[in-house]
Amino acid sequence: MEIVNRIKATIHLMNSIAGQKNYTNILIMTTYLLFSLPIKLELAESSYTTCNHKFTSLLYTYNLFPDLSRNQEVFNNGTYSVQDTMLGKSNPIDIGFYNAIRSGQGTELEGSKCEQYKHLVAMYVGLPREDENVRQIIDFFFHYQTEVGIFNETDYRRISYYGHPKRENFTDEMKKSLLNIARIVISEEINHNIAGIHPIYDVNEFAPSWQVSNLLQALYFSIFYMKPGIEIYKECKNPNCKRDKFFLVEATRTNKEYCCVQCSRAAASQRFRNRQLDR
């Protein structure tokens, strides 16, 4: 089910970016794909592993806090400046805050003792020369969790926080950064899953074709050929759809919500029955 959810999350993420921007969905899907550990599935002739983003590996392992006690800026101002890709300038970090996270004492931020947040702060300060894409992801999540709210649990449908998130602090600057990292995540997810696909030439048919090893590769290959902004996959709105089906539709057809006529009629009948019960 987690593998299925990753496929769904990738499609939802592409759709949320291509159409009218749904930043809540973009945040949830991006976070889910980045904060979930990779899963390995043994197949008949090989094994399959979901995309292991470099950020994900760091999030669960990186815990190296540089000793800043001899830094001149720390000595003069009590801050340490980090070159920030989201802000486009250096960002001064209070050394008291840094040391509290480093020591595990925590701060006034609810959830600041969380292991993942501690690793995130260590990455933010300690990896200034990291790959540009990874650095963008680190910077976004550091700002979002420090200024909006620290994640307690993340899954396919929702994010729960320690305390009440300050959603008013979700700035346009953060939204712009989120769109950038969402595109990075989509690229890494799809490229990982189609890496084993290669072209072959069928000498009998005198035509080119593609060598696909398994169904999962084929599914991601179909996503690879999506045309966000022109065609998108939508999930059928019938809660009892037996297909649990995504269907391809023109992006401009915002009123098409069901995969088939049967699902449309079934949903209408259910709404009618619900109205009768409410009377």
C-alpha atoms as a PDB file:
ATOM      1  CA  MET A   1       0.000   0.000   0.000  1.00  0.00           C
ATOM      2  CA  GLU A   2       2.883   2.370   0.666  1.00  0.00           C
ATOM      3  CA  ILE A   3       4.173   1.795  -2.868  1.00  0.00           C
ATOM      4  CA  VAL A   4       0.686   2.488  -4.238  1.00  0.00           C
ATOM      5  CA  ASN A   5       0.522   5.648  -2.105  1.00  0.00           C
ATOM      6  CA  ARG A   6       3.833   6.859  -3.510  1.00  0.00           C
ATOM      7  CA  ILE A   7       2.488   6.479  -7.045  1.00  0.00           C
ATOM      8  CA  LYS A   8      -0.690   8.339  -6.092  1.00  0.00           C
ATOM      9  CA  ALA A   9       1.299  11.060  -4.319  1.00  0.00           C
ATOM     10  CA  THR A  10       3.447  11.607  -7.408  1.00  0.00           C
ATOM     11  CA  ILE A  11       0.363  11.981  -9.610  1.00  0.00           C
ATOM     12  CA  HIS A  12      -1.417  14.267  -7.115  1.00  0.00           C
ATOM     13  CA  LEU A  13       1.713  16.384  -6.858  1.00  0.00           C
ATOM     14  CA  MET A  14       1.983  16.788 -10.619  1.00  0.00           C
ATOM     15  CA  ASN A  15      -1.691  17.722 -10.849  1.00  0.00           C
ATOM     16  CA  SER A  16      -1.484  20.200  -7.952  1.00  0.00           C
ATOM     17  CA  ILE A  17       1.374  22.028  -9.657  1.00  0.00           C
ATOM     18  CA  ALA A  18      -0.023  21.933 -13.203  1.00  0.00           C
ATOM     19  CA  GLY A  19      -3.487  23.289 -12.458  1.00  0.00           C
ATOM     20  CA  GLN A  20      -4.600  25.872  -9.952  1.00  0.00           C
ATOM     21  CA  LYS A  21      -1.936  25.709  -7.254  1.00  0.00           C
ATOM     22  CA  ASN A  22      -3.073  23.809  -4.176  1.00  0.00           C
ATOM     23  CA  TYR A  23      -0.265  24.544  -1.737  1.00  0.00           C
ATOM     24  CA  THR A  24      -1.717  22.379   1.027  1.00  0.00           C
ATOM     25  CA  ASN A  25      -1.708  19.320  -1.235  1.00  0.00           C
ATOM     26  CA  ILE A  26       1.715  20.197  -2.617  1.00  0.00           C
ATOM     27  CA  LEU A  27       3.125  20.429   0.901  1.00  0.00           C
ATOM     28  CA  ILE A  28       1.538  17.155   2.068  1.00  0.00           C
ATOM     29  CA  MET A  29       2.579  15.128  -0.993  1.00  0.00           C
ATOM     30  CA  THR A  30       6.102  16.568  -1.137  1.00  0.00           C
ATOM     31  CA  THR A  31       6.613  15.962   2.576  1.00  0.00           C
ATOM     32  CA  TYR A  32       5.233  12.435   2.345  1.00  0.00           C
ATOM     33  CA  LEU A  33       7.599  11.482  -0.472  1.00  0.00           C
ATOM     34  CA  LEU A  34      10.615  13.022   1.257  1.00  0.00           C
ATOM     35  CA  PHE A  35       9.951  12.011   4.874  1.00  0.00           C
ATOM     36  CA  SER A  36       8.998   8.372   4.170  1.00  0.00           C
ATOM     37  CA  LEU A  37      11.729   5.755   4.375  1.00  0.00           C
ATOM     38  CA  PRO A  38      12.296   3.728   1.181  1.00  0.00           C
ATOM     39  CA  ILE A  39      10.524   0.372   0.860  1.00  0.00           C
ATOM     40  CA  LYS A  40      11.935  -2.772  -0.725  1.00  0.00           C
ATOM     41  CA  LEU A  41       9.708  -5.284  -2.479  1.00  0.00           C
ATOM     42  CA  GLU A  42      10.953  -8.724  -3.563  1.00  0.00           C
ATOM     43  CA  LEU A  43       9.675  -9.567  -7.029  1.00  0.00           C
ATOM     44  CA  ALA A  44       9.832 -12.891  -8.858  1.00  0.00           C
ATOM     45  CA  GLU A  45      13.097 -12.247 -10.674  1.00  0.00           C
ATOM     46  CA  SER A  46      14.427  -9.134  -8.967  1.00  0.00           C
ATOM     47  CA  SER A  47      13.808  -6.668  -6.159  1.00  0.00           C
ATOM     48  CA  TYR A  48      12.258  -3.209  -6.313  1.00  0.00           C
ATOM     49  CA  THR A  49      13.101  -0.301  -4.009  1.00  0.00           C
ATOM     50  CA  THR A  50      11.225   2.991  -3.919  1.00  0.00           C
ATOM     51  CA  CYS A  51      13.155   6.190  -4.551  1.00  0.00           C
ATOM     52  CA  ASN A  52      15.605   6.986  -1.753  1.00  0.00           C
ATOM     53  CA  HIS A  53      16.031  10.753  -1.955  1.00  0.00           C
ATOM     54  CA  LYS A  54      19.365  12.011  -0.667  1.00  0.00           C
ATOM     55  CA  PHE A  55      17.517  14.425   1.618  1.00  0.00           C
ATOM     56  CA  THR A  56      15.641  11.473   3.131  1.00  0.00           C
ATOM     57  CA  SER A  57      18.865   9.632   3.938  1.00  0.00           C
ATOM     58  CA  LEU A  58      20.310  12.735   5.574  1.00  0.00           C
ATOM     59  CA  LEU A  59      17.120  13.434   7.524  1.00  0.00           C
ATOM     60  CA  TYR A  60      17.359  10.102   9.327  1.00  0.00           C
ATOM     61  CA  THR A  61      21.130   9.943   9.802  1.00  0.00           C
ATOM     62  CA  TYR A  62      22.826  13.359   9.797  1.00  0.00           C
ATOM     63  CA  ASN A  63      23.620  14.574  13.309  1.00  0.00           C
ATOM     64  CA  LEU A  64      26.932  16.413  13.028  1.00  0.00           C
ATOM     65  CA  PHE A  65      26.795  19.840  14.661  1.00  0.00           C
ATOM     66  CA  PRO A  66      29.864  22.006  13.929  1.00  0.00           C
ATOM     67  CA  ASP A  67      31.543  23.563  16.983  1.00  0.00           C
ATOM     68  CA  LEU A  68      30.915  27.284  16.481  1.00  0.00           C
ATOM     69  CA  SER A  69      32.423  28.487  19.766  1.00  0.00           C
ATOM     70  CA  ARG A  70      35.492  29.968  18.066  1.00  0.00           C
ATOM     71  CA  ASN A  71      33.629  31.631  15.215  1.00  0.00           C
ATOM     72  CA  GLN A  72      34.215  35.412  15.183  1.00  0.00           C
ATOM     73  CA  GLU A  73      30.591  36.276  14.344  1.00  0.00           C
ATOM     74  CA  VAL A  74      29.407  34.138  17.246  1.00  0.00           C
ATOM     75  CA  PHE A  75      31.859  35.883  19.541  1.00  0.00           C
ATOM     76  CA  ASN A  76      30.830  39.378  18.365  1.00  0.00           C
ATOM     77  CA  ASN A  77      27.070  39.026  17.824  1.00  0.00           C
ATOM     78  CA  GLY A  78      25.931  35.741  19.313  1.00  0.00           C
ATOM     79  CA  THR A  79      24.772  34.584  15.861  1.00  0.00           C
ATOM     80  CA  TYR A  80      26.054  32.362  13.069  1.00  0.00           C
ATOM     81  CA  SER A  81      25.132  33.226   9.464  1.00  0.00           C
ATOM     82  CA  VAL A  82      24.048  30.504   7.034  1.00  0.00           C
ATOM     83  CA  GLN A  83      23.888  31.182   3.307  1.00  0.00           C
ATOM     84  CA  ASP A  84      20.226  30.504   2.565  1.00  0.00           C
ATOM     85  CA  THR A  85      18.952  29.529  -0.905  1.00  0.00           C
ATOM     86  CA  MET A  86      15.334  30.389  -0.078  1.00  0.00           C
ATOM     87  CA  LEU A  87      16.119  33.864   1.176  1.00  0.00           C
ATOM     88  CA  GLY A  88      18.884  34.475  -1.355  1.00  0.00           C
ATOM     89  CA  LYS A  89      21.113  35.857   1.391  1.00  0.00           C
ATOM     90  CA  SER A  90      22.789  34.878   4.652  1.00  0.00           C
ATOM     91  CA  ASN A  91      20.504  34.063   7.558  1.00  0.00           C
ATOM     92  CA  PRO A  92      21.798  34.660  11.126  1.00  0.00           C
ATOM     93  CA  ILE A  93      21.011  31.819  13.558  1.00  0.00           C
ATOM     94  CA  ASP A  94      20.941  32.625  17.258  1.00  0.00           C
ATOM     95  CA  ILE A  95      23.717  30.631  18.930  1.00  0.00           C
ATOM     96  CA  GLY A  96      21.576  30.001  22.021  1.00  0.00           C
ATOM     97  CA  PHE A  97      18.905  28.390  19.829  1.00  0.00           C
ATOM     98  CA  TYR A  98      21.549  26.369  17.999  1.00  0.00           C
ATOM     99  CA  ASN A  99      23.163  25.078  21.178  1.00  0.00           C
ATOM    100  CA  ALA A 100      19.786  24.197  22.716  1.00  0.00           C
ATOM    101  CA  ILE A 101      18.907  22.054  19.688  1.00  0.00           C
ATOM    102  CA  ARG A 102      22.404  20.584  19.603  1.00  0.00           C
ATOM    103  CA  SER A 103      22.312  19.545  23.256  1.00  0.00           C
ATOM    104  CA  GLY A 104      18.789  18.156  23.027  1.00  0.00           C
ATOM    105  CA  GLN A 105      17.419  20.601  25.593  1.00  0.00           C
ATOM    106  CA  GLY A 106      14.917  22.017  23.136  1.00  0.00           C
ATOM    107  CA  THR A 107      13.511  25.526  22.863  1.00  0.00           C
ATOM    108  CA  GLU A 108      10.174  27.292  23.204  1.00  0.00           C
ATOM    109  CA  LEU A 109       9.232  25.752  19.811  1.00  0.00           C
ATOM    110  CA  GLU A 110       6.926  22.812  20.439  1.00  0.00           C
ATOM    111  CA  GLY A 111       8.574  19.673  19.146  1.00  0.00           C
ATOM    112  CA  SER A 112      12.080  21.119  18.973  1.00  0.00           C
ATOM    113  CA  LYS A 113      13.417  18.011  20.769  1.00  0.00           C
ATOM    114  CA  CYS A 114      12.167  15.876  17.869  1.00  0.00           C
ATOM    115  CA  GLU A 115      15.017  13.838  16.371  1.00  0.00           C
ATOM    116  CA  GLN A 116      14.154  14.727  12.766  1.00  0.00           C
ATOM    117  CA  TYR A 117      14.044  18.446  13.542  1.00  0.00           C
ATOM    118  CA  LYS A 118      17.391  18.167  15.325  1.00  0.00           C
ATOM    119  CA  HIS A 119      18.871  16.529  12.232  1.00  0.00           C
ATOM    120  CA  LEU A 120      17.312  19.237  10.057  1.00  0.00           C
ATOM    121  CA  VAL A 121      18.996  22.003  12.070  1.00  0.00           C
ATOM    122  CA  ALA A 122      22.312  20.114  11.883  1.00  0.00           C
ATOM    123  CA  MET A 123      21.921  19.855   8.091  1.00  0.00           C
ATOM    124  CA  TYR A 124      20.969  23.522   7.760  1.00  0.00           C
ATOM    125  CA  VAL A 125      24.094  24.712   9.549  1.00  0.00           C
ATOM    126  CA  GLY A 126      26.539  21.931   8.756  1.00  0.00           C
ATOM    127  CA  LEU A 127      26.017  21.290   5.015  1.00  0.00           C
ATOM    128  CA  PRO A 128      26.622  24.632   3.271  1.00  0.00           C
ATOM    129  CA  ARG A 129      28.228  22.973   0.227  1.00  0.00           C
ATOM    130  CA  GLU A 130      25.628  20.285  -0.297  1.00  0.00           C
ATOM    131  CA  ASP A 131      24.133  19.675  -3.754  1.00  0.00           C
ATOM    132  CA  GLU A 132      21.980  22.653  -4.804  1.00  0.00           C
ATOM    133  CA  ASN A 133      18.756  20.648  -5.033  1.00  0.00           C
ATOM    134  CA  VAL A 134      19.264  19.065  -1.610  1.00  0.00           C
ATOM    135  CA  ARG A 135      20.192  22.439  -0.176  1.00  0.00           C
ATOM    136  CA  GLN A 136      16.925  23.967  -1.422  1.00  0.00           C
ATOM    137  CA  ILE A 137      14.962  21.191   0.294  1.00  0.00           C
ATOM    138  CA  ILE A 138      16.882  21.617   3.551  1.00  0.00           C
ATOM    139  CA  ASP A 139      16.382  25.381   3.576  1.00  0.00           C
ATOM    140  CA  PHE A 140      12.654  25.165   2.890  1.00  0.00           C
ATOM    141  CA  PHE A 141      11.898  22.623   5.607  1.00  0.00           C
ATOM    142  CA  PHE A 142      14.103  24.433   8.128  1.00  0.00           C
ATOM    143  CA  HIS A 143      12.150  27.664   7.601  1.00  0.00           C
ATOM    144  CA  TYR A 144       8.747  25.990   7.404  1.00  0.00           C
ATOM    145  CA  GLN A 145       9.171  23.945  10.568  1.00  0.00           C
ATOM    146  CA  THR A 146      10.873  26.730  12.510  1.00  0.00           C
ATOM    147  CA  GLU A 147       8.368  29.413  11.536  1.00  0.00           C
ATOM    148  CA  VAL A 148       5.119  27.486  10.897  1.00  0.00           C
ATOM    149  CA  GLY A 149       5.280  24.269  12.897  1.00  0.00           C
ATOM    150  CA  ILE A 150       7.383  21.180  13.572  1.00  0.00           C
ATOM    151  CA  PHE A 151       6.062  17.943  12.104  1.00  0.00           C
ATOM    152  CA  ASN A 152       4.914  15.242  14.486  1.00  0.00           C
ATOM    153  CA  GLU A 153       3.748  12.677  11.948  1.00  0.00           C
ATOM    154  CA  THR A 154       3.586  12.702   8.153  1.00  0.00           C
ATOM    155  CA  ASP A 155       1.633  10.359   5.932  1.00  0.00           C
ATOM    156  CA  TYR A 156      -0.062  10.195   2.542  1.00  0.00           C
ATOM    157  CA  ARG A 157      -3.145  12.180   3.574  1.00  0.00           C
ATOM    158  CA  ARG A 158      -2.048  14.653   6.240  1.00  0.00           C
ATOM    159  CA  ILE A 159       0.640  16.249   8.349  1.00  0.00           C
ATOM    160  CA  SER A 160       0.216  16.493  12.116  1.00  0.00           C
ATOM    161  CA  TYR A 161       2.179  19.042  14.143  1.00  0.00           C
ATOM    162  CA  TYR A 162       3.495  19.495  17.624  1.00  0.00           C
ATOM    163  CA  GLY A 163       1.163  22.192  18.930  1.00  0.00           C
ATOM    164  CA  HIS A 164      -0.838  24.476  16.665  1.00  0.00           C
ATOM    165  CA  PRO A 165       0.892  25.434  13.389  1.00  0.00           C
ATOM    166  CA  LYS A 166       1.179  29.152  12.645  1.00  0.00           C
ATOM    167  CA  ARG A 167      -0.193  28.897   9.128  1.00  0.00           C
ATOM    168  CA  GLU A 168      -0.162  32.670   8.738  1.00  0.00           C
ATOM    169  CA  ASN A 169       3.651  32.398   8.608  1.00  0.00           C
ATOM    170  CA  PHE A 170       3.479  30.338   5.401  1.00  0.00           C
ATOM    171  CA  THR A 171       4.794  33.157   3.227  1.00  0.00           C
ATOM    172  CA  ASP A 172       4.791  33.632  -0.541  1.00  0.00           C
ATOM    173  CA  GLU A 173       8.555  33.134  -0.364  1.00  0.00           C
ATOM    174  CA  MET A 174       8.011  29.700   1.176  1.00  0.00           C
ATOM    175  CA  LYS A 175       5.354  28.840  -1.416  1.00  0.00           C
ATOM    176  CA  LYS A 176       7.722  29.697  -4.254  1.00  0.00           C
ATOM    177  CA  SER A 177      10.422  27.536  -2.683  1.00  0.00           C
ATOM    178  CA  LEU A 178       7.927  24.704  -2.152  1.00  0.00           C
ATOM    179  CA  LEU A 179       7.063  24.674  -5.863  1.00  0.00           C
ATOM    180  CA  ASN A 180      10.751  24.377  -6.715  1.00  0.00           C
ATOM    181  CA  ILE A 181      11.386  21.448  -4.414  1.00  0.00           C
ATOM    182  CA  ALA A 182       8.142  19.732  -5.489  1.00  0.00           C
ATOM    183  CA  ARG A 183       9.473  19.727  -9.055  1.00  0.00           C
ATOM    184  CA  ILE A 184      12.776  18.285  -7.810  1.00  0.00           C
ATOM    185  CA  VAL A 185      10.925  15.516  -5.969  1.00  0.00           C
ATOM    186  CA  ILE A 186       8.772  14.636  -9.002  1.00  0.00           C
ATOM    187  CA  SER A 187      11.880  14.457 -11.184  1.00  0.00           C
ATOM    188  CA  GLU A 188      13.753  12.221  -8.728  1.00  0.00           C
ATOM    189  CA  GLU A 189      10.751   9.917  -8.195  1.00  0.00           C
ATOM    190  CA  ILE A 190      10.116   9.373 -11.906  1.00  0.00           C
ATOM    191  CA  ASN A 191      13.777   9.169 -12.969  1.00  0.00           C
ATOM    192  CA  HIS A 192      14.463   6.570 -10.277  1.00  0.00           C
ATOM    193  CA  ASN A 193      11.556   4.411 -11.373  1.00  0.00           C
ATOM    194  CA  ILE A 194      12.212   4.484 -15.127  1.00  0.00           C
ATOM    195  CA  ALA A 195      15.996   4.101 -14.884  1.00  0.00           C
ATOM    196  CA  GLY A 196      15.835   0.430 -15.897  1.00  0.00           C
ATOM    197  CA  ILE A 197      13.737   1.038 -19.008  1.00  0.00           C
ATOM    198  CA  HIS A 198      15.637   1.059 -22.296  1.00  0.00           C
ATOM    199  CA  PRO A 199      14.756   1.178 -26.000  1.00  0.00           C
ATOM    200  CA  ILE A 200      15.037  -1.918 -28.167  1.00  0.00           C
ATOM    201  CA  TYR A 201      14.545  -2.478 -31.862  1.00  0.00           C
ATOM    202  CA  ASP A 202      12.160  -5.235 -32.957  1.00  0.00           C
ATOM    203  CA  VAL A 203      13.750  -6.658 -36.082  1.00  0.00           C
ATOM    204  CA  ASN A 204      10.638  -8.698 -36.921  1.00  0.00           C
ATOM    205  CA  GLU A 205       8.344  -5.687 -36.847  1.00  0.00           C
ATOM    206  CA  PHE A 206      11.023  -3.228 -37.999  1.00  0.00           C
ATOM    207  CA  ALA A 207       9.878  -0.858 -35.271  1.00  0.00           C
ATOM    208  CA  PRO A 208      11.291   0.530 -32.046  1.00  0.00           C
ATOM    209  CA  SER A 209       9.836  -0.412 -28.670  1.00  0.00           C
ATOM    210  CA  TRP A 210      10.690  -0.194 -24.978  1.00  0.00           C
ATOM    211  CA  GLN A 211      12.013  -2.913 -22.695  1.00  0.00           C
ATOM    212  CA  VAL A 212      10.110  -2.686 -19.385  1.00  0.00           C
ATOM    213  CA  SER A 213      11.004  -5.101 -16.595  1.00  0.00           C
ATOM    214  CA  ASN A 214       7.917  -4.999 -14.384  1.00  0.00           C
ATOM    215  CA  LEU A 215       4.518  -3.444 -13.804  1.00  0.00           C
ATOM    216  CA  LEU A 216       5.844  -0.733 -11.460  1.00  0.00           C
ATOM    217  CA  GLN A 217       8.225   0.504 -14.137  1.00  0.00           C
ATOM    218  CA  ALA A 218       5.352   0.523 -16.608  1.00  0.00           C
ATOM    219  CA  LEU A 219       3.173   2.575 -14.238  1.00  0.00           C
ATOM    220  CA  TYR A 220       5.854   5.215 -13.769  1.00  0.00           C
ATOM    221  CA  PHE A 221       6.567   5.168 -17.506  1.00  0.00           C
ATOM    222  CA  SER A 222       2.926   6.136 -18.114  1.00  0.00           C
ATOM    223  CA  ILE A 223       3.343   8.983 -15.610  1.00  0.00           C
ATOM    224  CA  PHE A 224       6.522   9.989 -17.474  1.00  0.00           C
ATOM    225  CA  TYR A 225       4.388  10.651 -20.565  1.00  0.00           C
ATOM    226  CA  MET A 226       1.827  12.780 -18.733  1.00  0.00           C
ATOM    227  CA  LYS A 227       1.377  16.328 -19.991  1.00  0.00           C
ATOM    228  CA  PRO A 228       0.807  18.483 -16.875  1.00  0.00           C
ATOM    229  CA  GLY A 229      -1.172  21.568 -17.815  1.00  0.00           C
ATOM    230  CA  ILE A 230      -2.690  19.755 -20.820  1.00  0.00           C
ATOM    231  CA  GLU A 231      -3.712  16.362 -19.479  1.00  0.00           C
ATOM    232  CA  ILE A 232      -3.858  15.295 -15.847  1.00  0.00           C
ATOM    233  CA  TYR A 233      -4.805  12.185 -13.916  1.00  0.00           C
ATOM    234  CA  LYS A 234      -7.738  12.656 -11.553  1.00  0.00           C
ATOM    235  CA  GLU A 235      -9.004  10.322  -8.854  1.00  0.00           C
ATOM    236  CA  CYS A 236     -12.634   9.248  -9.192  1.00  0.00           C
ATOM    237  CA  LYS A 237     -14.871  11.166  -6.746  1.00  0.00           C
ATOM    238  CA  ASN A 238     -17.154   8.183  -6.199  1.00  0.00           C
ATOM    239  CA  PRO A 239     -16.122   6.980  -2.703  1.00  0.00           C
ATOM    240  CA  ASN A 240     -17.309   3.487  -3.589  1.00  0.00           C
ATOM    241  CA  CYS A 241     -15.495   3.256  -6.911  1.00  0.00           C
ATOM    242  CA  LYS A 242     -14.455  -0.376  -7.168  1.00  0.00           C
ATOM    243  CA  ARG A 243     -11.660   0.524  -9.530  1.00  0.00           C
ATOM    244  CA  ASP A 244     -10.027   3.048  -7.140  1.00  0.00           C
ATOM    245  CA  LYS A 245      -9.269   4.500 -10.517  1.00  0.00           C
ATOM    246  CA  PHE A 246      -7.280   7.436 -11.792  1.00  0.00           C
ATOM    247  CA  PHE A 247      -8.454   8.586 -15.178  1.00  0.00           C
ATOM    248  CA  LEU A 248      -6.806  10.824 -17.754  1.00  0.00           C
ATOM    249  CA  VAL A 249      -8.648  14.038 -18.580  1.00  0.00           C
ATOM    250  CA  GLU A 250      -7.914  17.390 -20.184  1.00  0.00           C
ATOM    251  CA  ALA A 251      -6.720  19.839 -17.542  1.00  0.00           C
ATOM    252  CA  THR A 252      -9.320  22.390 -18.624  1.00  0.00           C
ATOM    253  CA  ARG A 253     -12.207  19.989 -17.896  1.00  0.00           C
ATOM    254  CA  THR A 254     -12.484  20.875 -14.221  1.00  0.00           C
ATOM    255  CA  ASN A 255     -16.091  19.598 -14.023  1.00  0.00           C
ATOM    256  CA  LYS A 256     -15.261  15.966 -14.884  1.00  0.00           C
ATOM    257  CA  GLU A 257     -15.044  14.206 -11.528  1.00  0.00           C
ATOM    258  CA  TYR A 258     -15.921  10.576 -12.230  1.00  0.00           C
ATOM    259  CA  CYS A 259     -14.072   7.877 -14.138  1.00  0.00           C
ATOM    260  CA  CYS A 260     -17.230   6.556 -15.817  1.00  0.00           C
ATOM    261  CA  VAL A 261     -20.989   7.060 -16.166  1.00  0.00           C
ATOM    262  CA  GLN A 262     -21.678   4.273 -13.676  1.00  0.00           C
ATOM    263  CA  CYS A 263     -19.659   6.011 -10.942  1.00  0.00           C
ATOM    264  CA  SER A 264     -21.350   9.332 -11.677  1.00  0.00           C
ATOM    265  CA  ARG A 265     -24.796   7.731 -11.329  1.00  0.00           C
ATOM    266  CA  ALA A 266     -23.813   5.786  -8.214  1.00  0.00           C
ATOM    267  CA  ALA A 267     -22.531   8.945  -6.522  1.00  0.00           C
ATOM    268  CA  ALA A 268     -25.699  10.859  -7.462  1.00  0.00           C
ATOM    269  CA  SER A 269     -27.862   8.063  -6.028  1.00  0.00           C
ATOM    270  CA  GLN A 270     -25.858   8.088  -2.804  1.00  0.00           C
ATOM    271  CA  ARG A 271     -26.278  11.856  -2.459  1.00  0.00           C
ATOM    272  CA  PHE A 272     -30.044  11.445  -2.978  1.00  0.00           C
ATOM    273  CA  ARG A 273     -30.250   8.752  -0.288  1.00  0.00           C
ATOM    274  CA  ASN A 274     -28.252  10.905   2.110  1.00  0.00           C
ATOM    275  CA  ARG A 275     -30.659  13.819   1.600  1.00  0.00           C
ATOM    276  CA  GLN A 276     -33.616  11.527   2.291  1.00  0.00           C
ATOM    277  CA  LEU A 277     -32.039  10.365   5.542  1.00  0.00           C
ATOM    278  CA  ASP A 278     -31.356  13.944   6.641  1.00  0.00           C
ATOM    279  CA  ARG A 279     -35.012  14.937   6.393  1.00  0.00           C
END
